[in-house]
Amino acid sequence: MTARVQSVLNEVEYIVGYKTYVDLIKPFLTHQQIVATGMRQEIDRCREAIRLAAEGHRVAVVSSGDAGVYGMAGIILECLEQENLLDMPLEIIPGVTAASAAASMLGAPLMHDFAVISLSDLLTPWEVIEKRVRLAAEGDFIFALYNPKSNGRPQHIETVREIILRYRRPDTPVGLVREALRGEESSVEITTLEDFTKHKIDMLTTVIIGNSQTRIVGPYMVTPRGYKL
């Protein structure tokens, strides 16, 4: 945790966030009142945070990873716009998104151009996601896949694998990182494009699929940047 994050947590009166994320920071909390809700209640959380701030309270909205990457920053700004409160003081503190966290545990797989794509179709039509995967595969981008598999959509990751196999070798390295940088809960596996869906993958897994240049260097997954050694 950065010094700025700790400072903000010490200053605020209210912590607003998804229950799981609030639980992760509870060891750092002291006097703050907690407003925690479940999944798919993002709009409710934002509106409650804005209501409290409009009353004069100091409020922190907790988001996983980086608040500006699939996080809460965008929806906070949209809610402020809707309520004509864009002049309200606001600080967005950057964090470490799952792609960067997972990459650090795998070695250096994101050393060249990469695409970050969420496979959740709750807010984005699957046809759009599928098109993005196809174009990124054609362009030889490294992939960082978020929300790769859930009980409600177990086949999406298989479809993605089939699309990428049209453009990449079956032995292309793939890294699977679960709960990246969350201590003892973290796990790392390196496998191949041909076989990676045979491994355990869930919503807590970040999948990094190499490009045509990615290779295994000892225990690490590395995408060369292009330097001549």
Protein backbone atom coordinates (compact mmCIF):
# COMPACT_ATOMS: atom_id res chain seq x y z
CA MET A 1 0.00 0.00 0.00
CA THR A 2 1.41 3.40 -1.00
CA ALA A 3 1.87 6.22 1.47
CA ARG A 4 -0.80 8.26 -0.36
CA VAL A 5 -3.37 5.47 -0.08
CA GLN A 6 -2.66 5.06 3.63
CA SER A 7 -2.92 8.82 4.10
CA VAL A 8 -6.31 8.95 2.38
CA LEU A 9 -7.64 6.03 4.40
CA ASN A 10 -6.57 7.78 7.59
CA GLU A 11 -8.29 11.01 6.56
CA VAL A 12 -11.67 9.73 5.42
CA GLU A 13 -14.79 9.14 7.49
CA TYR A 14 -16.43 6.60 5.19
CA ILE A 15 -15.15 3.67 3.13
CA VAL A 16 -17.50 2.61 0.33
CA GLY A 17 -16.92 -0.53 -1.70
CA TYR A 18 -17.61 -4.11 -2.71
CA LYS A 19 -17.52 -6.36 0.37
CA THR A 20 -14.61 -8.49 -0.85
CA TYR A 21 -12.41 -5.46 -1.54
CA VAL A 22 -13.28 -3.78 1.74
CA ASP A 23 -12.30 -6.97 3.57
CA LEU A 24 -8.86 -6.83 1.93
CA ILE A 25 -8.08 -3.45 3.49
CA LYS A 26 -9.70 -3.96 6.89
CA PRO A 27 -6.31 -4.43 8.62
CA PHE A 28 -5.50 -0.83 7.61
CA LEU A 29 -8.76 0.70 8.88
CA THR A 30 -9.33 2.26 12.27
CA HIS A 31 -12.16 4.76 12.80
CA GLN A 32 -13.83 4.72 9.39
CA GLN A 33 -17.46 3.77 8.88
CA ILE A 34 -17.92 1.11 6.21
CA VAL A 35 -20.59 1.03 3.51
CA ALA A 36 -20.17 -2.35 1.77
CA THR A 37 -22.45 -3.94 -0.83
CA GLY A 38 -22.42 -7.04 -3.03
CA MET A 39 -21.67 -7.62 -6.70
CA ARG A 40 -23.51 -5.70 -9.44
CA GLN A 41 -24.40 -2.85 -7.08
CA GLU A 42 -21.82 -0.41 -8.43
CA ILE A 43 -24.29 2.36 -9.21
CA ASP A 44 -25.79 2.15 -5.73
CA ARG A 45 -22.33 2.39 -4.17
CA CYS A 46 -21.43 5.41 -6.27
CA ARG A 47 -24.62 7.26 -5.47
CA GLU A 48 -24.25 6.57 -1.76
CA ALA A 49 -20.64 7.77 -1.82
CA ILE A 50 -21.68 10.96 -3.63
CA ARG A 51 -24.56 11.54 -1.21
CA LEU A 52 -22.22 11.29 1.76
CA ALA A 53 -19.63 13.55 0.12
CA ALA A 54 -22.31 16.12 -0.76
CA GLU A 55 -23.20 16.23 2.96
CA GLY A 56 -19.63 17.28 3.69
CA HIS A 57 -18.09 13.94 4.65
CA ARG A 58 -14.73 12.72 3.43
CA VAL A 59 -15.33 9.51 1.49
CA ALA A 60 -13.10 6.89 -0.16
CA VAL A 61 -14.51 4.51 -2.78
CA VAL A 62 -12.52 1.28 -2.85
CA SER A 63 -11.80 -0.46 -6.16
CA SER A 64 -9.63 -3.47 -6.94
CA GLY A 65 -6.48 -3.11 -9.02
CA ASP A 66 -6.46 0.32 -10.65
CA ALA A 67 -9.69 2.29 -10.27
CA GLY A 68 -9.33 3.56 -13.83
CA VAL A 69 -8.97 0.09 -15.41
CA TYR A 70 -12.31 -1.75 -15.24
CA GLY A 71 -12.71 -0.04 -11.87
CA MET A 72 -14.94 2.51 -10.20
CA ALA A 73 -13.43 5.78 -11.48
CA GLY A 74 -15.50 5.95 -14.66
CA ILE A 75 -18.86 5.30 -13.04
CA ILE A 76 -18.12 7.81 -10.28
CA LEU A 77 -17.48 10.48 -12.91
CA GLU A 78 -20.65 9.55 -14.81
CA CYS A 79 -22.72 9.72 -11.62
CA LEU A 80 -21.22 13.10 -10.74
CA GLU A 81 -22.10 14.33 -14.23
CA GLN A 82 -25.66 13.04 -13.92
CA GLU A 83 -26.11 14.85 -10.60
CA ASN A 84 -24.39 18.01 -11.84
CA LEU A 85 -21.66 17.69 -9.21
CA LEU A 86 -18.52 17.61 -11.35
CA ASP A 87 -17.13 20.51 -9.34
CA MET A 88 -16.97 18.30 -6.24
CA PRO A 89 -13.34 17.72 -5.11
CA LEU A 90 -12.15 14.33 -6.35
CA GLU A 91 -8.86 12.45 -6.34
CA ILE A 92 -8.33 9.25 -8.35
CA ILE A 93 -5.41 7.30 -6.93
CA PRO A 94 -3.77 4.86 -9.37
CA GLY A 95 -3.17 1.26 -8.40
CA VAL A 96 -1.71 -1.92 -9.86
CA THR A 97 -4.07 -3.50 -12.36
CA ALA A 98 -4.30 -7.30 -12.66
CA ALA A 99 -2.35 -7.42 -15.94
CA SER A 100 0.69 -5.77 -14.35
CA ALA A 101 0.40 -7.79 -11.16
CA ALA A 102 0.11 -11.08 -13.03
CA ALA A 103 2.96 -10.19 -15.40
CA SER A 104 5.29 -9.52 -12.46
CA MET A 105 4.67 -13.04 -11.18
CA LEU A 106 5.22 -14.65 -14.58
CA GLY A 107 8.41 -12.81 -15.52
CA ALA A 108 8.18 -10.26 -18.34
CA PRO A 109 5.39 -11.30 -20.74
CA LEU A 110 4.11 -7.78 -21.48
CA MET A 111 7.32 -6.28 -22.85
CA HIS A 112 5.68 -5.47 -26.19
CA ASP A 113 2.27 -4.25 -27.37
CA PHE A 114 -0.59 -5.99 -25.61
CA ALA A 115 -4.38 -5.93 -25.45
CA VAL A 116 -6.37 -6.10 -22.22
CA ILE A 117 -9.79 -7.66 -22.83
CA SER A 118 -12.51 -8.63 -20.38
CA LEU A 119 -14.51 -11.70 -21.37
CA SER A 120 -17.49 -10.65 -19.25
CA ASP A 121 -20.47 -9.92 -21.49
CA LEU A 122 -22.62 -8.37 -18.75
CA LEU A 123 -21.93 -4.86 -20.07
CA THR A 124 -20.37 -5.57 -23.48
CA PRO A 125 -22.05 -7.73 -26.16
CA TRP A 126 -20.22 -10.99 -26.81
CA GLU A 127 -20.08 -10.24 -30.54
CA VAL A 128 -18.02 -7.12 -29.76
CA ILE A 129 -15.67 -9.03 -27.45
CA GLU A 130 -15.19 -11.77 -30.04
CA LYS A 131 -14.33 -9.20 -32.71
CA ARG A 132 -11.77 -7.53 -30.44
CA VAL A 133 -10.13 -10.88 -29.71
CA ARG A 134 -9.94 -11.74 -33.40
CA LEU A 135 -8.41 -8.41 -34.39
CA ALA A 136 -5.89 -8.46 -31.54
CA ALA A 137 -4.90 -12.00 -32.47
CA GLU A 138 -4.46 -10.98 -36.10
CA GLY A 139 -2.33 -8.04 -34.99
CA ASP A 140 -0.06 -10.34 -32.92
CA PHE A 141 -0.85 -8.56 -29.65
CA ILE A 142 -0.09 -10.23 -26.35
CA PHE A 143 -3.35 -10.80 -24.46
CA ALA A 144 -4.22 -10.08 -20.85
CA LEU A 145 -7.67 -11.57 -20.31
CA TYR A 146 -9.82 -10.46 -17.37
CA ASN A 147 -12.94 -12.28 -16.10
CA PRO A 148 -12.06 -15.28 -18.27
CA LYS A 149 -14.56 -17.84 -16.99
CA SER A 150 -17.61 -18.05 -14.74
CA ASN A 151 -20.29 -20.62 -14.06
CA GLY A 152 -22.67 -18.67 -16.26
CA ARG A 153 -20.34 -18.52 -19.29
CA PRO A 154 -17.94 -21.46 -19.24
CA GLN A 155 -17.53 -21.61 -23.04
CA HIS A 156 -16.28 -18.09 -23.76
CA ILE A 157 -12.68 -18.95 -22.91
CA GLU A 158 -12.83 -21.98 -25.24
CA THR A 159 -14.09 -19.76 -28.06
CA VAL A 160 -11.24 -17.32 -27.44
CA ARG A 161 -8.71 -20.15 -27.50
CA GLU A 162 -10.06 -21.38 -30.86
CA ILE A 163 -9.90 -17.88 -32.37
CA ILE A 164 -6.31 -17.26 -31.27
CA LEU A 165 -5.20 -20.69 -32.49
CA ARG A 166 -6.04 -19.55 -36.02
CA TYR A 167 -3.19 -17.03 -35.77
CA ARG A 168 -0.75 -18.55 -33.27
CA ARG A 169 1.22 -21.75 -32.72
CA PRO A 170 -0.30 -24.30 -30.32
CA ASP A 171 2.87 -24.13 -28.17
CA THR A 172 2.54 -20.35 -27.61
CA PRO A 173 3.21 -19.73 -23.89
CA VAL A 174 0.23 -18.89 -21.70
CA GLY A 175 0.41 -17.76 -18.08
CA LEU A 176 -2.38 -18.33 -15.57
CA VAL A 177 -2.20 -16.23 -12.42
CA ARG A 178 -4.87 -16.51 -9.77
CA GLU A 179 -5.32 -13.78 -7.15
CA ALA A 180 -2.18 -11.99 -8.29
CA LEU A 181 -0.07 -10.50 -5.47
CA ARG A 182 -2.59 -11.46 -2.79
CA GLY A 183 -0.11 -13.32 -0.64
CA GLU A 184 -0.55 -17.01 0.03
CA GLU A 185 -3.71 -17.11 -2.10
CA SER A 186 -1.72 -16.37 -5.27
CA SER A 187 -0.85 -19.13 -7.73
CA VAL A 188 1.07 -19.19 -11.01
CA GLU A 189 1.09 -21.68 -13.88
CA ILE A 190 2.75 -21.53 -17.29
CA THR A 191 1.26 -23.70 -19.99
CA THR A 192 0.47 -23.48 -23.71
CA LEU A 193 -2.25 -22.08 -25.94
CA GLU A 194 -3.20 -25.63 -26.89
CA ASP A 195 -3.68 -26.79 -23.29
CA PHE A 196 -4.42 -23.81 -21.06
CA THR A 197 -8.18 -24.32 -20.83
CA LYS A 198 -7.56 -27.75 -19.27
CA HIS A 199 -6.32 -25.93 -16.15
CA LYS A 200 -8.41 -24.31 -13.45
CA ILE A 201 -9.60 -20.89 -14.62
CA ASP A 202 -12.15 -18.70 -12.87
CA MET A 203 -13.06 -15.07 -12.28
CA LEU A 204 -10.02 -14.60 -10.02
CA THR A 205 -7.64 -15.73 -12.78
CA THR A 206 -5.75 -13.42 -15.12
CA VAL A 207 -4.80 -15.16 -18.38
CA ILE A 208 -1.77 -13.85 -20.29
CA ILE A 209 -1.34 -15.25 -23.78
CA GLY A 210 1.96 -14.58 -25.50
CA ASN A 211 2.48 -13.30 -29.03
CA SER A 212 4.51 -14.95 -31.79
CA GLN A 213 7.80 -13.96 -30.07
CA THR A 214 6.98 -14.91 -26.48
CA ARG A 215 9.12 -17.72 -25.08
CA ILE A 216 9.95 -19.54 -21.88
CA VAL A 217 13.25 -18.55 -20.24
CA GLY A 218 13.92 -20.93 -17.36
CA PRO A 219 10.97 -20.51 -14.98
CA TYR A 220 9.87 -17.26 -16.66
CA MET A 221 7.60 -16.19 -19.49
CA VAL A 222 9.28 -13.49 -21.58
CA THR A 223 8.30 -11.45 -24.63
CA PRO A 224 11.47 -9.93 -26.15
CA ARG A 225 11.33 -6.18 -26.66
CA GLY A 226 13.64 -6.41 -29.64
CA TYR A 227 17.03 -5.43 -28.19
CA LYS A 228 20.05 -7.01 -29.87
CA LEU A 229 22.10 -8.74 -27.20
